[in-house]
Amino acid sequence: MIFFATYECFPDKKEQAQSFFANMSADQISNEVPPNVTLLARYHDVPNGTGITILETDDQEAMTAWTLGWATMCHFPIIKPMLDDDGARALIKKMEAAAG
C-alpha cells in the first residue's frame, strides 16, 4: 500500500529537527526507514518546518515505528492510504458495479 503522510515539527524543536536531518549521513538516510517500508518521496517546507512523505508498505506497524522515531521533534497529523491511477480506477469501477 502507498501512504501519504504530512509532518510538522514542534515549534520549539524545529531547529533541532532540521539540524538533525541536515546532518544525517548517507548511510543514516538509506537506513532510516525499516526494511519493509519504502520511502518513495519526501518534500519539505523548510521555513515552516513541515512537509510530506510518500511511503509504500504492507506493514503499518513498521511505518508507525518509523514515525515514532521522529516523535520527540515532530508529529505526523495526517497518514492516509492512497491509490495510484490504476488502483483508483479499479476501485471506482467496483463501487459503480456494486451500486448497480
C-alpha atoms as a PDB file:
ATOM      1  CA  MET A   1       0.000   0.000   0.000  1.00  0.00           C
ATOM      2  CA  ILE A   2       1.026   3.557  -0.603  1.00  0.00           C
ATOM      3  CA  PHE A   3       0.612   6.068   2.224  1.00  0.00           C
ATOM      4  CA  PHE A   4       0.627   9.860   2.147  1.00  0.00           C
ATOM      5  CA  ALA A   5       1.838  11.456   5.375  1.00  0.00           C
ATOM      6  CA  THR A   6       2.357  15.030   6.454  1.00  0.00           C
ATOM      7  CA  TYR A   7       4.788  16.035   9.157  1.00  0.00           C
ATOM      8  CA  GLU A   8       5.018  19.117  11.343  1.00  0.00           C
ATOM      9  CA  CYS A   9       7.998  19.933  13.523  1.00  0.00           C
ATOM     10  CA  PHE A  10       7.109  21.064  17.013  1.00  0.00           C
ATOM     11  CA  PRO A  11       7.815  24.836  17.069  1.00  0.00           C
ATOM     12  CA  ASP A  12      10.330  24.550  19.907  1.00  0.00           C
ATOM     13  CA  LYS A  13      12.076  21.602  18.176  1.00  0.00           C
ATOM     14  CA  LYS A  14      12.108  22.846  14.564  1.00  0.00           C
ATOM     15  CA  GLU A  15      15.763  23.912  14.521  1.00  0.00           C
ATOM     16  CA  GLN A  16      16.849  20.712  16.286  1.00  0.00           C
ATOM     17  CA  ALA A  17      14.886  18.524  13.853  1.00  0.00           C
ATOM     18  CA  GLN A  18      16.175  20.364  10.801  1.00  0.00           C
ATOM     19  CA  SER A  19      19.769  20.245  12.027  1.00  0.00           C
ATOM     20  CA  PHE A  20      19.468  16.542  12.798  1.00  0.00           C
ATOM     21  CA  PHE A  21      18.053  15.849   9.332  1.00  0.00           C
ATOM     22  CA  ALA A  22      20.567  18.066   7.519  1.00  0.00           C
ATOM     23  CA  ASN A  23      23.480  16.333   9.205  1.00  0.00           C
ATOM     24  CA  MET A  24      22.341  12.738   8.686  1.00  0.00           C
ATOM     25  CA  SER A  25      24.891  10.677   6.798  1.00  0.00           C
ATOM     26  CA  ALA A  26      24.035   8.944   3.534  1.00  0.00           C
ATOM     27  CA  ASP A  27      24.052   5.665   5.485  1.00  0.00           C
ATOM     28  CA  GLN A  28      21.628   7.046   8.081  1.00  0.00           C
ATOM     29  CA  ILE A  29      19.304   8.276   5.338  1.00  0.00           C
ATOM     30  CA  SER A  30      19.362   4.940   3.493  1.00  0.00           C
ATOM     31  CA  ASN A  31      18.664   3.034   6.719  1.00  0.00           C
ATOM     32  CA  GLU A  32      16.147   5.485   8.167  1.00  0.00           C
ATOM     33  CA  VAL A  33      13.022   3.507   7.303  1.00  0.00           C
ATOM     34  CA  PRO A  34      12.578  -0.165   8.215  1.00  0.00           C
ATOM     35  CA  PRO A  35      13.482  -2.718   5.509  1.00  0.00           C
ATOM     36  CA  ASN A  36       9.814  -3.420   4.724  1.00  0.00           C
ATOM     37  CA  VAL A  37       8.990   0.275   4.229  1.00  0.00           C
ATOM     38  CA  THR A  38       9.998   2.155   1.077  1.00  0.00           C
ATOM     39  CA  LEU A  39      10.300   5.925   1.187  1.00  0.00           C
ATOM     40  CA  LEU A  40       9.098   6.935  -2.294  1.00  0.00           C
ATOM     41  CA  ALA A  41       9.313  10.697  -1.841  1.00  0.00           C
ATOM     42  CA  ARG A  42       9.760  13.368   0.784  1.00  0.00           C
ATOM     43  CA  TYR A  43       9.296  17.089   0.253  1.00  0.00           C
ATOM     44  CA  HIS A  44       9.991  19.820   2.770  1.00  0.00           C
ATOM     45  CA  ASP A  45       8.621  23.279   3.525  1.00  0.00           C
ATOM     46  CA  VAL A  46      11.794  24.264   5.398  1.00  0.00           C
ATOM     47  CA  PRO A  47      10.775  27.743   6.652  1.00  0.00           C
ATOM     48  CA  ASN A  48       7.642  26.334   8.279  1.00  0.00           C
ATOM     49  CA  GLY A  49       9.125  23.021   9.451  1.00  0.00           C
ATOM     50  CA  THR A  50       6.522  20.959   7.623  1.00  0.00           C
ATOM     51  CA  GLY A  51       6.471  18.555   4.738  1.00  0.00           C
ATOM     52  CA  ILE A  52       5.074  15.428   3.160  1.00  0.00           C
ATOM     53  CA  THR A  53       6.233  11.879   2.660  1.00  0.00           C
ATOM     54  CA  ILE A  54       5.018   9.147   0.354  1.00  0.00           C
ATOM     55  CA  LEU A  55       5.689   5.657   1.698  1.00  0.00           C
ATOM     56  CA  GLU A  56       4.986   2.169   0.434  1.00  0.00           C
ATOM     57  CA  THR A  57       4.489  -0.745   2.795  1.00  0.00           C
ATOM     58  CA  ASP A  58       2.188  -3.584   3.745  1.00  0.00           C
ATOM     59  CA  ASP A  59       3.396  -3.320   7.339  1.00  0.00           C
ATOM     60  CA  GLN A  60       1.605  -0.492   9.105  1.00  0.00           C
ATOM     61  CA  GLU A  61       3.388  -1.296  12.377  1.00  0.00           C
ATOM     62  CA  ALA A  62       6.777  -0.727  10.730  1.00  0.00           C
ATOM     63  CA  MET A  63       5.572   2.563   9.248  1.00  0.00           C
ATOM     64  CA  THR A  64       4.278   3.643  12.652  1.00  0.00           C
ATOM     65  CA  ALA A  65       7.615   2.689  14.245  1.00  0.00           C
ATOM     66  CA  TRP A  66       9.372   4.944  11.717  1.00  0.00           C
ATOM     67  CA  THR A  67       7.118   7.888  12.629  1.00  0.00           C
ATOM     68  CA  LEU A  68       7.783   7.267  16.320  1.00  0.00           C
ATOM     69  CA  GLY A  69      11.500   7.660  15.608  1.00  0.00           C
ATOM     70  CA  TRP A  70      10.776  11.329  14.934  1.00  0.00           C
ATOM     71  CA  ALA A  71       8.224  11.737  17.746  1.00  0.00           C
ATOM     72  CA  THR A  72      10.432  13.859  20.008  1.00  0.00           C
ATOM     73  CA  MET A  73      10.798  16.533  17.313  1.00  0.00           C
ATOM     74  CA  CYS A  74       7.702  16.339  15.116  1.00  0.00           C
ATOM     75  CA  HIS A  75       4.398  14.640  14.574  1.00  0.00           C
ATOM     76  CA  PHE A  76       2.521  13.220  11.618  1.00  0.00           C
ATOM     77  CA  PRO A  77      -1.028  14.653  11.769  1.00  0.00           C
ATOM     78  CA  ILE A  78      -2.150  13.003   8.517  1.00  0.00           C
ATOM     79  CA  ILE A  79      -1.336   9.462   7.440  1.00  0.00           C
ATOM     80  CA  LYS A  80      -3.696   8.000   4.889  1.00  0.00           C
ATOM     81  CA  PRO A  81      -3.669   5.214   2.320  1.00  0.00           C
ATOM     82  CA  MET A  82      -3.539   6.271  -1.302  1.00  0.00           C
ATOM     83  CA  LEU A  83      -4.117   4.598  -4.663  1.00  0.00           C
ATOM     84  CA  ASP A  84      -2.347   5.122  -7.960  1.00  0.00           C
ATOM     85  CA  ASP A  85      -4.380   5.724 -11.140  1.00  0.00           C
ATOM     86  CA  ASP A  86      -4.892   2.025 -11.890  1.00  0.00           C
ATOM     87  CA  GLY A  87      -5.906   1.190  -8.323  1.00  0.00           C
ATOM     88  CA  ALA A  88      -8.268   4.164  -8.110  1.00  0.00           C
ATOM     89  CA  ARG A  89      -9.941   3.349 -11.406  1.00  0.00           C
ATOM     90  CA  ALA A  90     -10.398  -0.300 -10.420  1.00  0.00           C
ATOM     91  CA  LEU A  91     -11.909   0.670  -7.054  1.00  0.00           C
ATOM     92  CA  ILE A  92     -14.280   3.215  -8.629  1.00  0.00           C
ATOM     93  CA  LYS A  93     -15.447   0.606 -11.135  1.00  0.00           C
ATOM     94  CA  LYS A  94     -16.117  -1.871  -8.304  1.00  0.00           C
ATOM     95  CA  MET A  95     -18.057   0.772  -6.412  1.00  0.00           C
ATOM     96  CA  GLU A  96     -20.113   1.608  -9.504  1.00  0.00           C
ATOM     97  CA  ALA A  97     -20.827  -2.072 -10.144  1.00  0.00           C
ATOM     98  CA  ALA A  98     -21.907  -2.591  -6.545  1.00  0.00           C
ATOM     99  CA  ALA A  99     -24.220   0.419  -6.732  1.00  0.00           C
ATOM    100  CA  GLY A 100     -25.838  -1.186  -9.741  1.00  0.00           C
END
